[in-house]
Amino acid sequence: MILILYPQTDLEGAEFRRLEEHLRNLSGISYRVHRVRGAQQTLTEIYLLGDTSSLMPEDMQDLPCVERAVKVSEDYRIIGRHRDDQRIHAFEYNGVEFSQDNLHVFAGLCAVDTPEHVEQMMRALQSHGQVCARMGAYKPRTSPYAFQGHGKDCLPYVFELAGKYGIKVIAMEVTHEDQVDEIEAALEQTGRPTGVMLQIGTRNTQNFELLKQIGRRSEFPALLKRGFGITLEESLNAAEYLASEGNSRIVFALRGMKTNMGDPHRNFVDFAHVPVVKRLTRLPVCIDPSHSVGSRAGAPDRLLDVMHVTAQGVIAGANMILVDFHPNPSQALVDGPQALRLDELSWFLDDVAIAREAYERRRERAARHAAE
C-alpha cells in the first residue's frame, strides 16, 4: 500500500510523528518514506511493505497527514500504475519536464572525443532549438582493448560547452558510483552550467548493487536501458530497484534485443513495447534507434533505417529519443558507422515532428471514439 501525504506536510512536525508512531505499531509491516519531486511540487509518499491485505484504504486515509491511500495491484510497487492511482506522472529536472505526454530528443556523441567535436555538436543543437544532448564520457566495451572513453578528463569542457550553448540536460552513462562522484565534482567545479541524467547501460541492467547506488543518488534522474537479453519484466524490476532506493525520476529506454532474428539490424527492434511500458508503469519511455539499427543503411524511399525505426517509436508514443550524431562519423571513436551527420539533424528533427504529429492525431481520434 502507498500513502500519499498532503503536499505541505512537515516531516519534522507533530502530525507526521503521530503518523510514524501509528505505522511503527502495525504488526508485520515496515515502511519507507520517499520524497517525489514532480514538475509542479514535491510530494511525500510512504510505502508500506509486508502483508497489507488487512489494511483498508479508507482507514489509512483517516491517519494524520494522509491525503489518500493506494492499494498496490502490480509487482512494480513504486513505478507501476495501480487501481485508483492518481500519483504524479511527471518530473522536472534543470528546467526540463519529463512525462508520458511530451517528447525530447537527446542527440549527440556516443563517445566524447575532442572539444571541437563537442562544440560543433552543441552549437548545432542550439541552432535547432534543442536543450538536451547525449555525451559519452565512460564507455563500457565488449573488448578490453577498445576505447573506454575519456572519463573525468573530458567532463569540465563538456559541461562548460553545454552551458555556453544552452544545453540543460546531458544523458551520460555510468558504470560505477565513483563516476557519479566525478560528475558531481566536475559540475561543482564548472559552476553547474548544465544537468546530467545518469544512464545505466544494457549490460548493467542487472548489476543490482549499481542500481541501488544510483537509486540513492536521487539528485540525478536516471535513464535505464532495457537489458538486451532479458525479459521486459526483468528490466522493469531493475527500474523498481532504482525507485525502491529513493530515486523515482526514471526514464525507461528501449534499445533493441540481442538476437539474430533482428539481422541485418544490430538488434531486434522492440519499440512496439513503448505503449506496454506506459501501460504498466508511470515512467516516460525512451527509444534508442542508433543502437537498435547499428548502421546508416537506407531503403529505396531514401529514408534511413534509423529514421524509419525512430518514427515507429515516436508514433507509438515515445517520450525521449537517444540518437547518435557526430560532426565526422568516420573519425568517431565509438559507433561511427551508425552516427548521423550534423547536416542531417534538421532532416531528422523534421521527420520526428511528422511522426509526433501523427501520434497526436491518433490520440485525439482515440479520445473522440471513447466519448462517442
Protein backbone atom coordinates (compact mmCIF):
# COMPACT_ATOMS: atom_id res chain seq x y z
CA MET A 1 0.00 0.00 0.00
CA ILE A 2 1.12 3.57 -0.73
CA LEU A 3 0.18 6.53 1.46
CA ILE A 4 0.26 9.91 -0.29
CA LEU A 5 0.64 12.76 2.17
CA TYR A 6 -0.66 16.29 1.81
CA PRO A 7 1.76 18.46 -0.23
CA GLN A 8 2.73 20.75 2.64
CA THR A 9 3.36 18.03 5.21
CA ASP A 10 6.15 18.96 7.63
CA LEU A 11 8.30 15.87 8.17
CA GLU A 12 9.56 17.39 11.41
CA GLY A 13 6.09 18.26 12.70
CA ALA A 14 3.95 16.66 15.41
CA GLU A 15 1.34 15.35 12.96
CA PHE A 16 3.94 13.42 10.98
CA ARG A 17 5.41 11.99 14.20
CA ARG A 18 1.93 10.73 15.14
CA LEU A 19 1.64 9.05 11.75
CA GLU A 20 5.03 7.37 12.14
CA GLU A 21 4.12 6.14 15.61
CA HIS A 22 0.98 4.50 14.22
CA LEU A 23 2.91 2.87 11.38
CA ARG A 24 5.57 1.51 13.71
CA ASN A 25 2.82 -0.28 15.66
CA LEU A 26 1.47 -2.14 12.62
CA SER A 27 2.31 -5.82 13.03
CA GLY A 28 4.46 -7.38 10.29
CA ILE A 29 4.66 -4.15 8.30
CA SER A 30 7.60 -1.85 7.71
CA TYR A 31 7.61 1.44 5.82
CA ARG A 32 9.82 3.69 3.73
CA VAL A 33 9.43 7.44 3.22
CA HIS A 34 10.07 8.83 -0.27
CA ARG A 35 10.14 12.43 -1.47
CA VAL A 36 8.81 12.71 -5.02
CA ARG A 37 9.77 15.82 -6.98
CA GLY A 38 7.19 16.45 -9.66
CA ALA A 39 7.02 19.15 -12.31
CA GLN A 40 4.95 21.46 -10.06
CA GLN A 41 5.52 20.36 -6.46
CA THR A 42 7.30 17.93 -4.17
CA LEU A 43 5.16 15.27 -2.52
CA THR A 44 5.83 12.73 0.22
CA GLU A 45 4.86 9.10 -0.29
CA ILE A 46 5.11 6.29 2.27
CA TYR A 47 5.44 2.71 1.06
CA LEU A 48 4.06 0.06 3.41
CA LEU A 49 5.92 -3.24 2.99
CA GLY A 50 4.66 -6.63 4.19
CA ASP A 51 1.21 -8.16 4.39
CA THR A 52 -1.07 -5.14 3.92
CA SER A 53 -4.13 -7.14 2.81
CA SER A 54 -5.95 -6.39 6.07
CA LEU A 55 -5.42 -2.62 5.78
CA MET A 56 -8.38 -0.71 4.37
CA PRO A 57 -7.58 2.40 2.29
CA GLU A 58 -10.42 4.36 3.91
CA ASP A 59 -8.98 3.66 7.38
CA MET A 60 -5.47 4.66 6.34
CA GLN A 61 -6.78 7.88 4.80
CA ASP A 62 -8.04 8.91 8.24
CA LEU A 63 -4.49 8.95 9.63
CA PRO A 64 -2.69 12.28 10.23
CA CYS A 65 -1.12 13.88 7.11
CA VAL A 66 -2.56 11.24 4.72
CA GLU A 67 -4.39 12.64 1.71
CA ARG A 68 -5.14 9.26 0.11
CA ALA A 69 -4.10 5.61 0.17
CA VAL A 70 -3.47 3.45 -2.89
CA LYS A 71 -3.69 -0.34 -2.89
CA VAL A 72 -0.79 -1.81 -4.84
CA SER A 73 -2.15 -4.08 -7.57
CA GLU A 74 1.04 -4.87 -9.53
CA ASP A 75 4.54 -6.14 -8.80
CA TYR A 76 6.06 -2.73 -9.58
CA ARG A 77 5.05 -1.10 -6.32
CA ILE A 78 6.60 2.31 -6.92
CA ILE A 79 6.91 2.74 -10.69
CA GLY A 80 3.73 0.83 -11.52
CA ARG A 81 0.22 2.02 -12.28
CA HIS A 82 -2.30 0.89 -9.69
CA ARG A 83 -6.07 0.95 -9.46
CA ASP A 84 -7.38 4.42 -8.49
CA ASP A 85 -3.79 5.69 -8.68
CA GLN A 86 -3.56 9.46 -9.23
CA ARG A 87 0.07 9.94 -8.29
CA ILE A 88 2.46 12.26 -10.15
CA HIS A 89 3.25 11.08 -13.68
CA ALA A 90 5.94 13.69 -14.46
CA PHE A 91 9.17 15.10 -13.06
CA GLU A 92 11.20 18.22 -13.68
CA TYR A 93 14.98 18.44 -13.84
CA ASN A 94 17.00 21.58 -14.50
CA GLY A 95 14.03 23.28 -16.10
CA VAL A 96 13.08 20.37 -18.38
CA GLU A 97 9.91 18.36 -17.75
CA PHE A 98 9.77 14.64 -18.44
CA SER A 99 6.46 12.80 -18.63
CA GLN A 100 4.49 10.27 -20.66
CA ASP A 101 2.93 13.14 -22.59
CA ASN A 102 5.87 15.03 -24.08
CA LEU A 103 8.93 14.28 -26.24
CA HIS A 104 12.62 15.25 -26.02
CA VAL A 105 15.48 14.48 -28.40
CA PHE A 106 18.88 13.67 -26.90
CA ALA A 107 21.22 13.80 -29.90
CA GLY A 108 24.98 13.79 -29.59
CA LEU A 109 28.23 11.88 -29.39
CA CYS A 110 28.09 8.26 -28.32
CA ALA A 111 31.65 8.85 -27.07
CA VAL A 112 33.23 12.26 -26.46
CA ASP A 113 36.42 12.53 -28.50
CA THR A 114 37.55 16.16 -28.89
CA PRO A 115 36.39 19.54 -27.51
CA GLU A 116 35.99 20.72 -31.11
CA HIS A 117 33.53 17.97 -31.95
CA VAL A 118 31.61 18.55 -28.72
CA GLU A 119 31.30 22.25 -29.50
CA GLN A 120 30.18 21.62 -33.08
CA MET A 121 27.51 19.23 -31.84
CA MET A 122 26.18 21.54 -29.16
CA ARG A 123 26.21 24.55 -31.48
CA ALA A 124 24.12 22.58 -33.98
CA LEU A 125 21.67 21.53 -31.28
CA GLN A 126 21.24 25.12 -30.08
CA SER A 127 20.65 26.34 -33.63
CA HIS A 128 17.77 23.85 -33.89
CA GLY A 129 16.20 24.82 -30.57
CA GLN A 130 17.31 21.71 -28.67
CA VAL A 131 18.15 21.79 -24.94
CA CYS A 132 19.15 18.14 -24.39
CA ALA A 133 22.10 16.06 -25.60
CA ARG A 134 23.86 12.75 -25.18
CA MET A 135 27.59 12.74 -24.39
CA GLY A 136 29.50 9.56 -23.50
CA ALA A 137 32.44 10.03 -21.15
CA TYR A 138 32.56 6.49 -19.76
CA LYS A 139 32.20 3.72 -22.35
CA PRO A 140 31.92 0.07 -21.31
CA ARG A 141 33.09 -2.02 -24.27
CA THR A 142 32.97 -5.67 -25.26
CA SER A 143 36.71 -5.76 -25.96
CA PRO A 144 39.16 -4.74 -23.19
CA TYR A 145 41.33 -3.17 -25.90
CA ALA A 146 38.65 -0.86 -27.30
CA PHE A 147 38.43 2.84 -26.40
CA GLN A 148 36.83 3.14 -22.96
CA GLY A 149 36.08 6.87 -23.02
CA HIS A 150 37.99 9.92 -21.76
CA GLY A 151 36.27 9.69 -18.37
CA LYS A 152 36.58 12.53 -15.90
CA ASP A 153 39.16 14.36 -18.02
CA CYS A 154 36.55 15.49 -20.54
CA LEU A 155 33.80 16.41 -18.08
CA PRO A 156 34.81 20.07 -17.42
CA TYR A 157 34.86 21.09 -21.09
CA VAL A 158 31.72 19.09 -21.87
CA PHE A 159 29.81 20.84 -19.08
CA GLU A 160 31.19 24.30 -19.89
CA LEU A 161 30.26 23.94 -23.57
CA ALA A 162 26.81 22.71 -22.59
CA GLY A 163 26.30 25.87 -20.57
CA LYS A 164 27.63 28.03 -23.42
CA TYR A 165 25.09 26.59 -25.86
CA GLY A 166 22.10 26.30 -23.53
CA ILE A 167 22.07 22.51 -23.16
CA LYS A 168 20.18 21.86 -19.92
CA VAL A 169 20.36 18.06 -19.62
CA ILE A 170 23.07 15.64 -20.79
CA ALA A 171 22.50 11.89 -20.81
CA MET A 172 25.74 10.21 -19.73
CA GLU A 173 26.37 6.54 -18.99
CA VAL A 174 27.99 5.49 -15.73
CA THR A 175 29.23 2.08 -14.65
CA HIS A 176 30.32 2.77 -11.07
CA GLU A 177 29.33 5.11 -8.26
CA ASP A 178 32.81 6.68 -8.32
CA GLN A 179 31.94 8.08 -11.75
CA VAL A 180 28.88 9.78 -10.27
CA ASP A 181 31.18 11.45 -7.74
CA GLU A 182 33.41 12.60 -10.62
CA ILE A 183 30.40 14.04 -12.44
CA GLU A 184 29.25 15.83 -9.28
CA ALA A 185 32.75 17.27 -8.72
CA ALA A 186 33.01 18.49 -12.32
CA LEU A 187 29.57 20.11 -12.16
CA GLU A 188 30.59 21.91 -8.97
CA GLN A 189 33.94 22.93 -10.45
CA THR A 190 32.31 24.46 -13.55
CA GLY A 191 29.52 26.24 -11.67
CA ARG A 192 26.76 23.79 -12.62
CA PRO A 193 26.15 25.10 -16.14
CA THR A 194 24.06 22.04 -17.05
CA GLY A 195 22.45 18.93 -15.59
CA VAL A 196 23.23 15.23 -16.02
CA MET A 197 20.88 12.29 -16.44
CA LEU A 198 22.71 9.15 -15.32
CA GLN A 199 22.42 6.43 -17.92
CA ILE A 200 22.57 2.78 -16.89
CA GLY A 201 23.52 0.74 -19.93
CA THR A 202 22.05 -2.52 -21.08
CA ARG A 203 24.99 -4.52 -19.67
CA ASN A 204 24.32 -3.15 -16.19
CA THR A 205 20.56 -3.58 -16.11
CA GLN A 206 21.00 -6.44 -13.63
CA ASN A 207 24.00 -5.00 -11.79
CA PHE A 208 21.88 -4.76 -8.67
CA GLU A 209 24.49 -3.06 -6.50
CA LEU A 210 24.94 -0.31 -9.10
CA LEU A 211 21.16 0.07 -9.32
CA LYS A 212 20.98 0.53 -5.56
CA GLN A 213 23.81 3.07 -5.62
CA ILE A 214 22.22 5.13 -8.40
CA GLY A 215 18.87 4.83 -6.63
CA ARG A 216 20.39 6.57 -3.61
CA ARG A 217 21.69 9.44 -5.78
CA SER A 218 18.26 10.97 -6.26
CA GLU A 219 19.73 14.38 -7.10
CA PHE A 220 20.26 12.97 -10.62
CA PRO A 221 17.49 11.48 -12.77
CA ALA A 222 18.23 8.06 -14.25
CA LEU A 223 17.91 6.66 -17.75
CA LEU A 224 17.68 2.87 -17.52
CA LYS A 225 18.19 0.86 -20.70
CA ARG A 226 16.38 -2.43 -21.12
CA GLY A 227 18.68 -5.45 -20.80
CA PHE A 228 19.40 -6.80 -24.28
CA GLY A 229 18.99 -10.46 -23.31
CA ILE A 230 16.33 -10.48 -20.59
CA THR A 231 12.57 -10.09 -20.42
CA LEU A 232 10.75 -6.79 -20.19
CA GLU A 233 9.54 -7.78 -16.72
CA GLU A 234 13.11 -8.30 -15.51
CA SER A 235 14.14 -4.90 -16.87
CA LEU A 236 11.16 -3.16 -15.25
CA ASN A 237 12.13 -4.77 -11.95
CA ALA A 238 15.55 -3.17 -12.43
CA ALA A 239 13.78 0.20 -12.62
CA GLU A 240 11.91 -0.72 -9.44
CA TYR A 241 15.32 -1.24 -7.77
CA LEU A 242 16.16 2.40 -8.51
CA ALA A 243 12.82 3.64 -7.22
CA SER A 244 12.90 1.47 -4.09
CA GLU A 245 16.14 3.17 -3.06
CA GLY A 246 14.62 6.63 -3.37
CA ASN A 247 15.11 7.74 -6.98
CA SER A 248 11.77 7.73 -8.81
CA ARG A 249 12.89 10.19 -11.51
CA ILE A 250 13.41 7.44 -14.08
CA VAL A 251 13.14 7.21 -17.85
CA PHE A 252 12.95 3.67 -19.24
CA ALA A 253 14.81 3.11 -22.52
CA LEU A 254 14.14 0.52 -25.22
CA ARG A 255 17.27 -0.19 -27.26
CA GLY A 256 16.65 -3.43 -29.12
CA MET A 257 17.06 -7.08 -28.17
CA LYS A 258 20.14 -9.24 -28.76
CA THR A 259 19.01 -11.88 -31.25
CA ASN A 260 19.99 -12.80 -34.81
CA MET A 261 16.28 -12.67 -35.65
CA GLY A 262 16.83 -8.93 -35.99
CA ASP A 263 19.51 -9.24 -38.70
CA PRO A 264 20.63 -7.28 -40.62
CA HIS A 265 19.99 -4.71 -37.89
CA ARG A 266 22.33 -4.71 -34.92
CA ASN A 267 19.47 -5.67 -32.58
CA PHE A 268 15.87 -6.73 -32.91
CA VAL A 269 13.85 -3.51 -32.60
CA ASP A 270 11.48 -3.65 -29.61
CA PHE A 271 9.71 -0.30 -29.96
CA ALA A 272 6.28 -1.97 -30.00
CA HIS A 273 6.80 -2.13 -26.23
CA VAL A 274 6.57 1.68 -25.88
CA PRO A 275 2.80 1.60 -25.10
CA VAL A 276 3.27 -1.54 -22.99
CA VAL A 277 5.73 0.18 -20.66
CA LYS A 278 3.44 3.22 -20.46
CA ARG A 279 0.52 0.99 -19.56
CA LEU A 280 2.38 -0.95 -16.86
CA THR A 281 4.29 1.98 -15.32
CA ARG A 282 4.24 5.74 -14.85
CA LEU A 283 7.69 6.08 -16.47
CA PRO A 284 8.44 8.17 -19.56
CA VAL A 285 9.75 5.87 -22.31
CA CYS A 286 12.90 6.46 -24.37
CA ILE A 287 13.86 4.81 -27.66
CA ASP A 288 17.44 4.31 -28.86
CA PRO A 289 17.25 3.84 -32.65
CA SER A 290 21.02 4.08 -33.16
CA HIS A 291 21.88 1.01 -31.11
CA SER A 292 18.85 -0.84 -32.44
CA VAL A 293 19.77 -0.42 -36.10
CA GLY A 294 23.55 -0.05 -35.83
CA SER A 295 24.14 1.32 -39.32
CA ARG A 296 23.34 4.08 -41.82
CA ALA A 297 21.54 1.69 -44.19
CA GLY A 298 18.62 3.12 -46.10
CA ALA A 299 15.63 1.95 -48.11
CA PRO A 300 14.68 2.85 -51.72
CA ASP A 301 12.38 5.55 -50.33
CA ARG A 302 15.57 7.48 -49.39
CA LEU A 303 14.80 7.24 -45.69
CA LEU A 304 17.48 5.75 -43.45
CA ASP A 305 16.53 2.69 -41.41
CA VAL A 306 17.33 4.61 -38.24
CA MET A 307 14.73 7.20 -39.22
CA HIS A 308 12.09 4.57 -40.01
CA VAL A 309 12.73 2.93 -36.63
CA THR A 310 12.62 6.29 -34.83
CA ALA A 311 9.26 7.05 -36.43
CA GLN A 312 7.94 3.66 -35.28
CA GLY A 313 8.80 4.52 -31.68
CA VAL A 314 7.52 8.09 -31.85
CA ILE A 315 4.23 7.16 -33.50
CA ALA A 316 3.77 4.63 -30.68
CA GLY A 317 4.12 7.41 -28.09
CA ALA A 318 7.82 7.55 -27.14
CA ASN A 319 8.80 10.42 -24.84
CA MET A 320 12.54 10.59 -25.47
CA ILE A 321 14.92 9.75 -28.32
CA LEU A 322 18.56 8.90 -27.68
CA VAL A 323 20.34 9.12 -31.03
CA ASP A 324 23.96 9.20 -32.22
CA PHE A 325 25.23 12.18 -34.21
CA HIS A 326 28.81 13.15 -35.00
CA PRO A 327 30.40 16.04 -36.96
CA ASN A 328 32.55 13.48 -38.81
CA PRO A 329 31.36 9.89 -38.27
CA SER A 330 34.48 8.45 -39.92
CA GLN A 331 36.53 9.94 -37.06
CA ALA A 332 34.22 8.80 -34.25
CA LEU A 333 35.96 6.66 -31.65
CA VAL A 334 32.81 4.61 -30.92
CA ASP A 335 29.93 3.55 -33.21
CA GLY A 336 30.85 5.82 -36.10
CA PRO A 337 29.11 3.66 -38.73
CA GLN A 338 25.70 4.28 -37.12
CA ALA A 339 26.08 8.00 -36.38
CA LEU A 340 24.11 10.60 -38.31
CA ARG A 341 25.86 13.72 -39.63
CA LEU A 342 25.22 17.26 -38.46
CA ASP A 343 23.84 18.21 -41.88
CA GLU A 344 21.15 15.55 -41.29
CA LEU A 345 20.00 16.99 -37.96
CA SER A 346 17.35 19.27 -39.47
CA TRP A 347 16.01 16.40 -41.58
CA PHE A 348 15.93 14.05 -38.60
CA LEU A 349 14.10 16.54 -36.36
CA ASP A 350 11.57 17.32 -39.10
CA ASP A 351 10.90 13.60 -39.53
CA VAL A 352 10.42 13.23 -35.76
CA ALA A 353 7.95 16.14 -35.79
CA ILE A 354 5.94 14.47 -38.58
CA ALA A 355 5.74 11.22 -36.61
CA ARG A 356 4.83 13.05 -33.40
CA GLU A 357 2.03 14.92 -35.16
CA ALA A 358 0.69 11.58 -36.39
CA TYR A 359 0.76 10.23 -32.83
CA GLU A 360 -1.10 13.28 -31.50
CA ARG A 361 -3.76 12.88 -34.20
CA ARG A 362 -4.12 9.18 -33.35
CA ARG A 363 -4.50 10.03 -29.67
CA GLU A 364 -7.14 12.69 -30.41
CA ARG A 365 -9.07 10.22 -32.57
CA ALA A 366 -8.96 7.62 -29.79
CA ALA A 367 -10.33 10.20 -27.35
CA ARG A 368 -13.21 11.01 -29.71
CA HIS A 369 -14.01 7.33 -30.09
CA ALA A 370 -14.08 6.89 -26.31
CA ALA A 371 -16.50 9.81 -26.00
CA GLU A 372 -18.86 8.55 -28.70
